[in-house]
Amino acid sequence: MRRFHAFLAVAALVAAACGSDSTSSSPGQVTVGNNFFSPTSVSPDASGVVTWTWNSGGTQHNVTFDDLAPGSGNLGSGDFTRDFTGAAAGTIEYHCTIHPGMQGEVVIP
């Protein structure tokens, strides 16, 4: 029984640590990892900016916008920033062209 309770405690900690990546805890910040963006949905910060920061161990990824705005190009490290000031309210989707299924969205309030 003790092992079962320990298992439940560990499972609860893992679930809390993983959380939901549907919204950003830090507006305007996205991590580019190996085959994922985190969070997958983000809104610009108070200045209208979203910054993508590579944390992929050198693996190349890109941010390519469905609205055809200039993207990041292929990067293995560093940052890419886009200013959404003045953008119409709505959702702008983006993806990595290197890794199908790696996608996210910027929600403009």
C-alpha atoms as a PDB file:
ATOM      1  CA  MET A   1       0.000   0.000   0.000  1.00  0.00           C
ATOM      2  CA  ARG A   2       2.878   2.373   0.786  1.00  0.00           C
ATOM      3  CA  ARG A   3       4.304   1.841  -2.691  1.00  0.00           C
ATOM      4  CA  PHE A   4       0.943   2.678  -4.223  1.00  0.00           C
ATOM      5  CA  HIS A   5       0.745   5.932  -2.245  1.00  0.00           C
ATOM      6  CA  ALA A   6       4.314   6.789  -3.221  1.00  0.00           C
ATOM      7  CA  PHE A   7       3.419   6.081  -6.849  1.00  0.00           C
ATOM      8  CA  LEU A   8       0.381   8.382  -6.621  1.00  0.00           C
ATOM      9  CA  ALA A   9       2.484  11.146  -5.045  1.00  0.00           C
ATOM     10  CA  VAL A  10       5.076  10.912  -7.811  1.00  0.00           C
ATOM     11  CA  ALA A  11       2.369  10.846 -10.503  1.00  0.00           C
ATOM     12  CA  ALA A  12       0.776  13.980  -9.020  1.00  0.00           C
ATOM     13  CA  LEU A  13       4.136  15.788  -8.995  1.00  0.00           C
ATOM     14  CA  VAL A  14       4.804  14.844 -12.610  1.00  0.00           C
ATOM     15  CA  ALA A  15       1.347  16.007 -13.686  1.00  0.00           C
ATOM     16  CA  ALA A  16       1.799  19.321 -11.863  1.00  0.00           C
ATOM     17  CA  ALA A  17       5.224  19.855 -13.396  1.00  0.00           C
ATOM     18  CA  CYS A  18       3.961  19.121 -16.891  1.00  0.00           C
ATOM     19  CA  GLY A  19       0.872  21.265 -16.542  1.00  0.00           C
ATOM     20  CA  SER A  20      -0.978  22.558 -19.539  1.00  0.00           C
ATOM     21  CA  ASP A  21       0.976  24.319 -22.249  1.00  0.00           C
ATOM     22  CA  SER A  22      -2.105  25.866 -23.818  1.00  0.00           C
ATOM     23  CA  THR A  23      -1.377  29.286 -22.355  1.00  0.00           C
ATOM     24  CA  SER A  24       1.745  31.170 -21.478  1.00  0.00           C
ATOM     25  CA  SER A  25       2.795  31.791 -17.897  1.00  0.00           C
ATOM     26  CA  SER A  26       5.095  34.502 -19.233  1.00  0.00           C
ATOM     27  CA  PRO A  27       3.367  36.506 -21.972  1.00  0.00           C
ATOM     28  CA  GLY A  28       5.397  36.839 -25.120  1.00  0.00           C
ATOM     29  CA  GLN A  29       7.863  34.002 -24.386  1.00  0.00           C
ATOM     30  CA  VAL A  30       8.078  30.696 -26.279  1.00  0.00           C
ATOM     31  CA  THR A  31      10.709  27.979 -25.878  1.00  0.00           C
ATOM     32  CA  VAL A  32      11.738  26.140 -29.028  1.00  0.00           C
ATOM     33  CA  GLY A  33      12.629  22.597 -27.969  1.00  0.00           C
ATOM     34  CA  ASN A  34      13.209  19.372 -29.780  1.00  0.00           C
ATOM     35  CA  ASN A  35      10.024  18.977 -31.802  1.00  0.00           C
ATOM     36  CA  PHE A  36       7.852  21.270 -29.672  1.00  0.00           C
ATOM     37  CA  PHE A  37       7.010  24.870 -28.925  1.00  0.00           C
ATOM     38  CA  SER A  38       6.187  25.658 -25.304  1.00  0.00           C
ATOM     39  CA  PRO A  39       3.688  27.029 -24.713  1.00  0.00           C
ATOM     40  CA  THR A  40       1.827  26.156 -27.902  1.00  0.00           C
ATOM     41  CA  SER A  41      -0.414  29.218 -27.528  1.00  0.00           C
ATOM     42  CA  VAL A  42       0.981  32.598 -26.531  1.00  0.00           C
ATOM     43  CA  SER A  43      -0.101  36.241 -26.502  1.00  0.00           C
ATOM     44  CA  PRO A  44       2.284  39.157 -26.996  1.00  0.00           C
ATOM     45  CA  ASP A  45       3.722  40.868 -23.931  1.00  0.00           C
ATOM     46  CA  ALA A  46       2.709  44.428 -22.981  1.00  0.00           C
ATOM     47  CA  SER A  47       4.973  45.869 -25.696  1.00  0.00           C
ATOM     48  CA  GLY A  48       3.372  43.676 -28.397  1.00  0.00           C
ATOM     49  CA  VAL A  49       6.378  41.372 -28.758  1.00  0.00           C
ATOM     50  CA  VAL A  50       6.759  37.588 -28.786  1.00  0.00           C
ATOM     51  CA  THR A  51      10.236  36.067 -28.439  1.00  0.00           C
ATOM     52  CA  TRP A  52      11.097  32.483 -29.352  1.00  0.00           C
ATOM     53  CA  THR A  53      14.178  31.135 -27.553  1.00  0.00           C
ATOM     54  CA  TRP A  54      15.950  28.007 -28.802  1.00  0.00           C
ATOM     55  CA  ASN A  55      16.624  25.330 -26.193  1.00  0.00           C
ATOM     56  CA  SER A  56      17.088  22.413 -28.544  1.00  0.00           C
ATOM     57  CA  GLY A  57      20.683  21.393 -27.923  1.00  0.00           C
ATOM     58  CA  GLY A  58      21.757  22.695 -31.325  1.00  0.00           C
ATOM     59  CA  THR A  59      19.047  20.912 -33.310  1.00  0.00           C
ATOM     60  CA  GLN A  60      17.784  23.243 -36.011  1.00  0.00           C
ATOM     61  CA  HIS A  61      14.183  24.442 -36.028  1.00  0.00           C
ATOM     62  CA  ASN A  62      12.381  27.434 -37.500  1.00  0.00           C
ATOM     63  CA  VAL A  63       9.364  29.619 -36.879  1.00  0.00           C
ATOM     64  CA  THR A  64       7.347  29.938 -40.103  1.00  0.00           C
ATOM     65  CA  PHE A  65       4.150  31.990 -39.957  1.00  0.00           C
ATOM     66  CA  ASP A  66       0.990  30.979 -41.795  1.00  0.00           C
ATOM     67  CA  ASP A  67       0.314  34.692 -42.469  1.00  0.00           C
ATOM     68  CA  LEU A  68       3.498  34.685 -44.611  1.00  0.00           C
ATOM     69  CA  ALA A  69       5.312  37.262 -42.436  1.00  0.00           C
ATOM     70  CA  PRO A  70       9.091  36.818 -42.302  1.00  0.00           C
ATOM     71  CA  GLY A  71      10.070  34.012 -39.946  1.00  0.00           C
ATOM     72  CA  SER A  72      13.183  33.009 -38.103  1.00  0.00           C
ATOM     73  CA  GLY A  73      14.956  30.919 -40.700  1.00  0.00           C
ATOM     74  CA  ASN A  74      16.672  27.743 -39.521  1.00  0.00           C
ATOM     75  CA  LEU A  75      18.374  28.183 -36.138  1.00  0.00           C
ATOM     76  CA  GLY A  76      20.003  25.817 -33.665  1.00  0.00           C
ATOM     77  CA  SER A  77      20.323  28.404 -30.880  1.00  0.00           C
ATOM     78  CA  GLY A  78      19.543  32.017 -30.071  1.00  0.00           C
ATOM     79  CA  ASP A  79      16.357  34.060 -30.169  1.00  0.00           C
ATOM     80  CA  PHE A  80      13.846  35.320 -32.714  1.00  0.00           C
ATOM     81  CA  THR A  81      11.464  38.186 -31.996  1.00  0.00           C
ATOM     82  CA  ARG A  82       8.370  39.402 -33.822  1.00  0.00           C
ATOM     83  CA  ASP A  83       6.499  42.581 -32.975  1.00  0.00           C
ATOM     84  CA  PHE A  84       2.720  42.214 -33.224  1.00  0.00           C
ATOM     85  CA  THR A  85       1.947  45.853 -32.364  1.00  0.00           C
ATOM     86  CA  GLY A  86      -0.987  46.997 -34.480  1.00  0.00           C
ATOM     87  CA  ALA A  87      -1.914  43.478 -35.583  1.00  0.00           C
ATOM     88  CA  ALA A  88      -5.633  42.799 -35.877  1.00  0.00           C
ATOM     89  CA  ALA A  89      -7.217  40.721 -33.130  1.00  0.00           C
ATOM     90  CA  GLY A  90      -7.204  37.031 -33.933  1.00  0.00           C
ATOM     91  CA  THR A  91      -4.919  34.033 -34.117  1.00  0.00           C
ATOM     92  CA  ILE A  92      -1.752  33.715 -36.171  1.00  0.00           C
ATOM     93  CA  GLU A  93      -0.566  30.141 -36.518  1.00  0.00           C
ATOM     94  CA  TYR A  94       3.057  29.132 -37.011  1.00  0.00           C
ATOM     95  CA  HIS A  95       5.028  25.924 -37.454  1.00  0.00           C
ATOM     96  CA  CYS A  96       8.476  24.457 -38.021  1.00  0.00           C
ATOM     97  CA  THR A  97       8.924  23.399 -41.642  1.00  0.00           C
ATOM     98  CA  ILE A  98      11.669  20.942 -40.656  1.00  0.00           C
ATOM     99  CA  HIS A  99       9.517  18.962 -38.196  1.00  0.00           C
ATOM    100  CA  PRO A 100       5.906  18.271 -39.249  1.00  0.00           C
ATOM    101  CA  GLY A 101       3.496  18.545 -36.347  1.00  0.00           C
ATOM    102  CA  MET A 102       5.613  21.133 -34.522  1.00  0.00           C
ATOM    103  CA  GLN A 103       3.185  24.039 -34.391  1.00  0.00           C
ATOM    104  CA  GLY A 104       1.867  26.872 -32.247  1.00  0.00           C
ATOM    105  CA  GLU A 105      -0.212  30.007 -32.322  1.00  0.00           C
ATOM    106  CA  VAL A 106      -0.034  33.653 -31.330  1.00  0.00           C
ATOM    107  CA  VAL A 107      -3.331  35.002 -30.015  1.00  0.00           C
ATOM    108  CA  ILE A 108      -3.744  38.734 -30.548  1.00  0.00           C
ATOM    109  CA  PRO A 109      -6.281  40.147 -28.069  1.00  0.00           C
END
